[in-house]
């Protein structure tokens, strides 16, 4: 079965190395500024509950109003891009949640289609799901508007649409967004405070045209506009990927002035910055982290010599969050039309809490159904 083959492919892909983030636009500041320690506590509690009660954890949400019933639903995942670590981890979490839901009898099946980052490919994905007659489509979108016509066709067929991470702008769809602007502002203000509001900064951009990149960049510029003594030395298209980021910086590093700080996108580009500067025999400037295991371990080692920074990323486990949201919508549960997802901020004194991250992993709580109910549905 195609689904099974993809699950095996995912398992192999996730064992390999890294690369980066997701996508979206604006949100509620309280979600973006939740302390990392609190979010990790919630994640640990959710994980422990899932391990203790097994499949029942998915059905017996804290509020009985959200209890699920068995159904013969088929849910599709239309993922616009699969070329970085963040997206691979997102798809893996969707797969894990879908397998749990299928085992418990809440869905009959699921299908995953991964794209090449283009709108046309994703339109073809959604059209195929319409022809197959799926009950819901979870969409990580290549564009906030270019998919609207085909999505409207799906909704006319009664298919539920859950757009997450990189969302769409269309009435009737459920959206699960991040406050990208506030994230861009918060990490840029951290940098400004560290460098005293003066100096040269290098900005690493994310996937072109994606809502997260646009939102994060807006937040970055909102803060930089307040600091006339800070110069943007260059902008590099990193595609939320360590290798692409490294190559982009190496192409221009010889022409750059001394860089005081690097403001990364998110996902898995931070080690690309580290490797680029190290390969040229240069000290690594203040670099915003991306919550990858590789960066956190490097940061931990450097912190012993006084290196300080901040690390932040969205949660690739939102793939599982989208799956459970689709199941809840199909069950007729009270699901907000527009929702916000949490970031995880890791501060200097919290590095040790993430020492057990495995290579290729991004810090992210696993989103059980209980987690989604308590931390997303009820948090709006």
Protein backbone atom coordinates (compact mmCIF):
# COMPACT_ATOMS: atom_id res chain seq x y z
CA UNK A 1 0.00 0.00 0.00
CA UNK A 2 1.27 3.49 -0.88
CA UNK A 3 0.85 4.65 2.69
CA UNK A 4 2.95 1.82 4.05
CA UNK A 5 5.69 2.38 1.50
CA UNK A 6 5.82 6.01 2.46
CA UNK A 7 6.05 5.19 6.14
CA UNK A 8 9.09 3.02 5.41
CA UNK A 9 10.62 5.76 3.29
CA UNK A 10 10.08 8.23 6.11
CA UNK A 11 11.77 6.00 8.62
CA UNK A 12 14.87 5.89 6.43
CA UNK A 13 14.82 9.59 5.67
CA UNK A 14 14.53 10.56 9.31
CA UNK A 15 17.61 8.56 10.17
CA UNK A 16 19.65 10.81 7.87
CA UNK A 17 20.88 14.35 8.46
CA UNK A 18 19.06 17.62 8.71
CA UNK A 19 17.73 20.72 7.30
CA UNK A 20 14.79 22.92 8.48
CA UNK A 21 11.48 24.74 9.12
CA UNK A 22 7.83 24.98 8.11
CA UNK A 23 5.57 27.95 7.22
CA UNK A 24 2.74 30.57 8.12
CA UNK A 25 2.02 34.16 9.27
CA UNK A 26 0.47 35.82 12.29
CA UNK A 27 -0.94 34.83 15.67
CA UNK A 28 -1.61 35.40 19.30
CA UNK A 29 1.41 36.58 21.27
CA UNK A 30 0.59 34.45 24.29
CA UNK A 31 1.07 31.29 22.24
CA UNK A 32 4.40 32.49 20.87
CA UNK A 33 5.76 33.57 24.22
CA UNK A 34 4.96 30.47 26.24
CA UNK A 35 8.14 29.64 28.21
CA UNK A 36 9.99 26.63 26.89
CA UNK A 37 10.04 24.94 30.28
CA UNK A 38 6.25 25.10 30.54
CA UNK A 39 5.75 23.70 27.06
CA UNK A 40 8.17 20.88 27.71
CA UNK A 41 6.37 20.04 30.96
CA UNK A 42 3.10 19.83 29.04
CA UNK A 43 4.80 17.69 26.41
CA UNK A 44 6.25 15.33 29.01
CA UNK A 45 2.89 14.97 30.74
CA UNK A 46 1.16 14.27 27.41
CA UNK A 47 3.78 11.71 26.41
CA UNK A 48 3.59 9.96 29.79
CA UNK A 49 -0.20 9.81 29.54
CA UNK A 50 -0.02 8.34 26.05
CA UNK A 51 2.49 5.71 27.10
CA UNK A 52 0.46 4.80 30.19
CA UNK A 53 -2.97 4.47 28.65
CA UNK A 54 -2.13 3.52 25.06
CA UNK A 55 -4.87 4.00 22.49
CA UNK A 56 -7.32 5.14 25.14
CA UNK A 57 -5.31 8.34 25.53
CA UNK A 58 -6.46 9.43 22.11
CA UNK A 59 -10.15 8.96 22.88
CA UNK A 60 -10.42 9.93 26.51
CA UNK A 61 -9.51 13.59 26.29
CA UNK A 62 -9.63 15.47 29.60
CA UNK A 63 -13.02 16.87 28.58
CA UNK A 64 -15.59 14.17 27.77
CA UNK A 65 -17.08 16.55 25.21
CA UNK A 66 -14.06 15.79 23.01
CA UNK A 67 -14.22 11.98 23.25
CA UNK A 68 -13.88 10.37 19.80
CA UNK A 69 -15.97 7.66 18.21
CA UNK A 70 -14.92 5.01 15.74
CA UNK A 71 -15.35 5.93 12.09
CA UNK A 72 -14.45 4.91 8.54
CA UNK A 73 -12.86 8.23 7.60
CA UNK A 74 -9.95 8.63 5.19
CA UNK A 75 -7.63 11.59 5.76
CA UNK A 76 -5.08 12.95 3.31
CA UNK A 77 -1.95 15.00 3.96
CA UNK A 78 -0.95 17.42 1.19
CA UNK A 79 2.56 18.55 2.09
CA UNK A 80 3.92 21.16 -0.32
CA UNK A 81 7.59 20.52 0.42
CA UNK A 82 9.60 17.62 1.80
CA UNK A 83 13.16 18.82 1.38
CA UNK A 84 14.25 19.63 4.91
CA UNK A 85 14.44 18.06 8.34
CA UNK A 86 11.55 20.04 9.80
CA UNK A 87 9.14 18.86 7.12
CA UNK A 88 10.32 15.26 7.39
CA UNK A 89 9.78 15.30 11.15
CA UNK A 90 6.37 16.89 10.59
CA UNK A 91 5.35 14.12 8.18
CA UNK A 92 6.69 11.48 10.55
CA UNK A 93 4.54 12.87 13.38
CA UNK A 94 1.47 12.91 11.11
CA UNK A 95 2.16 9.29 10.18
CA UNK A 96 2.57 8.22 13.81
CA UNK A 97 -0.69 9.89 14.85
CA UNK A 98 -2.55 8.50 11.83
CA UNK A 99 -1.35 4.98 12.61
CA UNK A 100 -2.57 5.40 16.20
CA UNK A 101 -5.94 6.71 15.02
CA UNK A 102 -6.29 3.84 12.54
CA UNK A 103 -5.35 1.23 15.14
CA UNK A 104 -7.95 2.65 17.53
CA UNK A 105 -10.61 2.60 14.80
CA UNK A 106 -11.11 6.37 14.57
CA UNK A 107 -10.14 6.38 10.87
CA UNK A 108 -10.13 3.72 8.18
CA UNK A 109 -7.02 4.90 6.37
CA UNK A 110 -4.79 7.83 5.45
CA UNK A 111 -2.61 8.90 2.55
CA UNK A 112 0.38 11.24 2.37
CA UNK A 113 1.49 13.18 -0.69
CA UNK A 114 4.70 15.22 -0.60
CA UNK A 115 5.38 17.97 -3.11
CA UNK A 116 8.34 19.77 -4.61
CA UNK A 117 7.52 23.20 -3.24
CA UNK A 118 5.47 24.30 -6.27
CA UNK A 119 1.83 25.33 -6.35
CA UNK A 120 1.05 23.24 -9.45
CA UNK A 121 2.21 20.04 -7.79
CA UNK A 122 0.10 20.73 -4.74
CA UNK A 123 -2.95 21.50 -6.86
CA UNK A 124 -2.49 18.07 -8.45
CA UNK A 125 -2.24 16.50 -4.98
CA UNK A 126 -5.49 18.06 -3.84
CA UNK A 127 -7.27 17.14 -7.08
CA UNK A 128 -6.25 13.50 -6.59
CA UNK A 129 -7.62 13.56 -3.04
CA UNK A 130 -10.92 14.96 -4.35
CA UNK A 131 -11.15 12.15 -6.91
CA UNK A 132 -10.41 9.57 -4.21
CA UNK A 133 -13.21 10.99 -2.06
CA UNK A 134 -11.24 11.49 1.14
CA UNK A 135 -13.10 12.95 4.10
CA UNK A 136 -10.53 15.54 5.15
CA UNK A 137 -7.30 17.03 3.82
CA UNK A 138 -4.57 18.42 6.04
CA UNK A 139 -2.64 20.99 4.00
CA UNK A 140 0.80 22.51 4.56
CA UNK A 141 0.47 25.02 1.77
CA UNK A 142 2.86 26.29 -0.88
CA UNK A 143 0.84 29.52 -1.09
CA UNK A 144 -1.73 31.26 1.06
CA UNK A 145 -4.01 32.02 -1.92
CA UNK A 146 -2.94 30.14 -5.08
CA UNK A 147 -4.62 26.91 -3.94
CA UNK A 148 -7.97 28.53 -3.20
CA UNK A 149 -9.83 27.38 -6.33
CA UNK A 150 -9.01 23.70 -5.92
CA UNK A 151 -9.60 23.85 -2.16
CA UNK A 152 -13.04 25.39 -2.76
CA UNK A 153 -13.81 22.46 -5.07
CA UNK A 154 -12.86 20.10 -2.27
CA UNK A 155 -15.05 21.89 0.25
CA UNK A 156 -18.00 21.77 -2.18
CA UNK A 157 -17.61 17.99 -2.09
CA UNK A 158 -17.94 18.11 1.71
CA UNK A 159 -14.23 17.53 2.35
CA UNK A 160 -12.96 19.17 5.54
CA UNK A 161 -9.83 21.30 5.13
CA UNK A 162 -7.28 21.78 7.91
CA UNK A 163 -4.46 24.12 6.84
CA UNK A 164 -1.55 24.15 9.24
CA UNK A 165 1.93 25.64 9.60
CA UNK A 166 1.85 27.30 6.16
CA UNK A 167 -1.80 28.20 6.08
CA UNK A 168 -4.27 29.45 3.49
CA UNK A 169 -6.48 32.52 3.38
CA UNK A 170 -9.90 31.06 2.65
CA UNK A 171 -13.16 31.14 4.57
CA UNK A 172 -14.42 27.75 5.64
CA UNK A 173 -11.04 26.17 6.16
CA UNK A 174 -9.71 25.38 9.63
CA UNK A 175 -6.32 26.98 10.20
CA UNK A 176 -3.52 26.19 12.63
CA UNK A 177 -1.03 29.03 12.45
CA UNK A 178 2.08 30.32 14.21
CA UNK A 179 2.75 33.92 15.17
CA UNK A 180 5.75 34.25 12.89
CA UNK A 181 5.93 38.03 13.23
CA UNK A 182 6.24 37.90 17.00
CA UNK A 183 8.90 35.19 16.73
CA UNK A 184 10.92 37.37 14.35
CA UNK A 185 10.57 40.32 16.69
CA UNK A 186 11.50 38.42 19.82
CA UNK A 187 14.67 36.83 18.51
CA UNK A 188 15.78 40.06 16.81
CA UNK A 189 15.28 42.04 20.00
CA UNK A 190 17.38 39.43 21.80
CA UNK A 191 20.17 40.05 19.27
CA UNK A 192 19.87 43.82 19.59
CA UNK A 193 20.17 43.60 23.35
CA UNK A 194 23.24 41.37 23.04
CA UNK A 195 25.13 43.56 20.55
CA UNK A 196 24.07 46.85 22.09
CA UNK A 197 22.04 48.01 19.09
CA UNK A 198 25.13 48.53 16.91
CA UNK A 199 26.97 46.46 14.35
CA UNK A 200 26.57 44.27 11.27
CA UNK A 201 24.00 41.51 11.04
CA UNK A 202 23.54 38.73 8.54
CA UNK A 203 19.97 37.56 7.90
CA UNK A 204 19.18 34.03 6.75
CA UNK A 205 15.85 33.80 4.90
CA UNK A 206 13.58 30.77 4.72
CA UNK A 207 11.69 29.15 1.82
CA UNK A 208 10.84 31.86 -0.74
CA UNK A 209 7.23 33.00 -0.76
CA UNK A 210 6.22 30.88 2.24
CA UNK A 211 4.19 32.60 4.92
CA UNK A 212 6.68 31.81 7.73
CA UNK A 213 9.52 33.51 5.91
CA UNK A 214 7.40 36.56 5.17
CA UNK A 215 6.14 36.79 8.75
CA UNK A 216 9.53 36.22 10.38
CA UNK A 217 11.18 38.74 8.08
CA UNK A 218 8.49 41.28 8.89
CA UNK A 219 9.20 40.78 12.59
CA UNK A 220 12.95 41.11 12.02
CA UNK A 221 12.60 44.37 10.11
CA UNK A 222 10.07 45.75 12.62
CA UNK A 223 12.82 45.63 15.25
CA UNK A 224 15.80 46.55 13.06
CA UNK A 225 14.02 49.71 11.92
CA UNK A 226 14.38 50.97 15.49
CA UNK A 227 18.18 50.63 15.39
CA UNK A 228 19.78 52.96 12.82
CA UNK A 229 23.28 51.92 13.92
CA UNK A 230 22.69 48.34 12.82
CA UNK A 231 23.51 47.47 9.22
CA UNK A 232 22.19 44.45 7.34
CA UNK A 233 25.45 43.26 5.81
CA UNK A 234 23.70 40.67 3.62
CA UNK A 235 20.69 38.41 3.29
CA UNK A 236 21.15 34.75 2.39
CA UNK A 237 18.47 32.44 1.04
CA UNK A 238 18.88 29.44 3.33
CA UNK A 239 15.65 27.56 2.51
CA UNK A 240 15.56 26.45 6.19
CA UNK A 241 18.30 24.00 5.29
CA UNK A 242 21.78 23.69 6.82
CA UNK A 243 23.56 22.78 3.59
CA UNK A 244 21.89 25.50 1.52
CA UNK A 245 22.60 28.04 4.26
CA UNK A 246 26.25 27.04 4.49
CA UNK A 247 26.73 27.28 0.73
CA UNK A 248 24.98 30.65 0.58
CA UNK A 249 27.19 32.15 3.27
CA UNK A 250 30.38 30.69 1.80
CA UNK A 251 29.54 32.35 -1.52
CA UNK A 252 29.67 35.82 0.05
CA UNK A 253 31.68 35.50 3.25
CA UNK A 254 34.90 36.87 1.75
CA UNK A 255 33.13 40.12 0.86
CA UNK A 256 31.40 40.60 4.21
CA UNK A 257 32.48 43.02 6.93
CA UNK A 258 32.92 41.61 10.42
CA UNK A 259 29.57 40.09 11.37
CA UNK A 260 28.32 40.69 14.90
CA UNK A 261 25.24 38.47 14.72
CA UNK A 262 23.32 36.13 12.45
CA UNK A 263 19.53 36.09 12.60
CA UNK A 264 18.44 32.75 11.19
CA UNK A 265 15.03 31.77 9.85
CA UNK A 266 14.18 28.59 11.78
CA UNK A 267 14.06 24.89 11.14
CA UNK A 268 17.59 23.59 10.67
CA UNK A 269 19.71 26.36 9.20
CA UNK A 270 21.74 27.36 12.28
CA UNK A 271 24.40 24.66 11.88
CA UNK A 272 24.84 25.87 8.31
CA UNK A 273 25.91 29.21 9.76
CA UNK A 274 28.24 27.56 12.27
CA UNK A 275 29.87 25.34 9.65
CA UNK A 276 30.34 28.19 7.17
CA UNK A 277 32.22 30.40 9.62
CA UNK A 278 34.23 27.51 11.06
CA UNK A 279 35.29 26.28 7.61
CA UNK A 280 36.73 29.72 6.89
CA UNK A 281 38.63 29.76 10.17
CA UNK A 282 36.43 32.50 11.60
CA UNK A 283 34.84 32.77 15.02
CA UNK A 284 31.13 31.99 14.92
CA UNK A 285 29.21 35.19 15.68
CA UNK A 286 26.12 35.31 17.86
CA UNK A 287 23.74 33.02 15.97
CA UNK A 288 20.10 32.38 16.76
CA UNK A 289 19.54 28.66 17.19
CA UNK A 290 16.90 26.45 15.60
CA UNK A 291 16.24 23.78 18.28
CA UNK A 292 17.99 21.05 16.30
CA UNK A 293 19.95 18.45 18.26
CA UNK A 294 23.11 19.36 16.37
CA UNK A 295 22.93 23.05 17.19
CA UNK A 296 21.99 22.51 20.82
CA UNK A 297 24.90 20.12 21.36
CA UNK A 298 27.29 22.57 19.68
CA UNK A 299 25.87 25.44 21.74
CA UNK A 300 26.20 23.43 24.94
CA UNK A 301 29.89 22.83 24.23
CA UNK A 302 30.52 26.49 23.36
CA UNK A 303 28.60 27.75 26.39
CA UNK A 304 31.42 26.50 28.60
CA UNK A 305 33.54 29.24 27.01
CA UNK A 306 30.84 31.88 27.49
CA UNK A 307 28.94 31.60 24.19
CA UNK A 308 25.37 32.81 24.73
CA UNK A 309 22.38 32.81 22.44
CA UNK A 310 18.68 31.95 22.15
CA UNK A 311 17.16 29.05 20.23
CA UNK A 312 13.62 28.91 18.88
CA UNK A 313 11.58 26.92 16.43
CA UNK A 314 8.04 25.96 15.63
CA UNK A 315 6.91 22.45 16.51
CA UNK A 316 7.20 19.89 13.69
CA UNK A 317 4.90 17.63 15.69
CA UNK A 318 2.12 19.91 14.43
CA UNK A 319 1.69 17.22 11.76
CA UNK A 320 0.19 15.03 14.49
CA UNK A 321 -1.76 18.05 15.71
CA UNK A 322 -3.30 18.51 12.27
CA UNK A 323 -4.26 14.83 12.05
CA UNK A 324 -6.03 14.85 15.42
CA UNK A 325 -7.73 18.13 14.51
CA UNK A 326 -9.10 16.54 11.34
CA UNK A 327 -10.41 13.57 13.34
CA UNK A 328 -12.07 15.92 15.85
CA UNK A 329 -13.68 17.98 13.08
CA UNK A 330 -15.02 14.83 11.41
CA UNK A 331 -16.43 13.80 14.79
CA UNK A 332 -18.30 17.11 15.00
CA UNK A 333 -16.36 18.33 18.02
CA UNK A 334 -16.07 21.98 19.02
CA UNK A 335 -12.92 22.94 17.11
CA UNK A 336 -12.05 26.64 16.69
CA UNK A 337 -11.98 27.79 13.08
CA UNK A 338 -8.66 29.58 13.54
CA UNK A 339 -6.03 28.27 15.96
CA UNK A 340 -2.48 29.08 16.98
CA UNK A 341 0.34 26.63 17.58
CA UNK A 342 3.11 26.98 20.19
CA UNK A 343 6.78 27.78 19.64
CA UNK A 344 9.51 26.41 21.87
CA UNK A 345 12.05 28.97 23.08
CA UNK A 346 15.20 27.52 24.64
CA UNK A 347 17.17 29.87 26.88
CA UNK A 348 20.78 29.65 28.00
CA UNK A 349 19.94 27.96 31.30
CA UNK A 350 17.72 25.33 29.64
CA UNK A 351 20.24 23.69 27.28
CA UNK A 352 20.76 20.67 29.56
CA UNK A 353 17.06 19.79 29.38
CA UNK A 354 17.53 18.90 25.71
CA UNK A 355 20.71 16.85 26.02
CA UNK A 356 18.90 13.64 25.06
CA UNK A 357 17.84 14.87 21.60
CA UNK A 358 18.93 12.45 18.89
CA UNK A 359 20.78 13.42 15.72
CA UNK A 360 18.34 14.69 13.14
CA UNK A 361 15.74 15.65 15.75
CA UNK A 362 14.18 19.03 16.45
CA UNK A 363 12.90 19.75 19.97
CA UNK A 364 9.14 19.30 19.83
CA UNK A 365 6.48 17.83 22.14
CA UNK A 366 4.62 14.90 20.62
CA UNK A 367 1.04 16.05 20.09
CA UNK A 368 -1.33 13.42 21.42
CA UNK A 369 -5.06 14.04 21.07
CA UNK A 370 -5.15 15.15 24.71
CA UNK A 371 -2.33 17.61 24.04
CA UNK A 372 -4.21 19.07 21.07
CA UNK A 373 -7.43 19.45 23.05
CA UNK A 374 -5.77 21.06 26.06
CA UNK A 375 -3.07 23.16 24.39
CA UNK A 376 -4.66 24.12 21.10
CA UNK A 377 -8.48 23.79 21.05
CA UNK A 378 -8.97 25.13 24.56
CA UNK A 379 -6.12 27.65 24.40
CA UNK A 380 -7.73 29.88 21.77
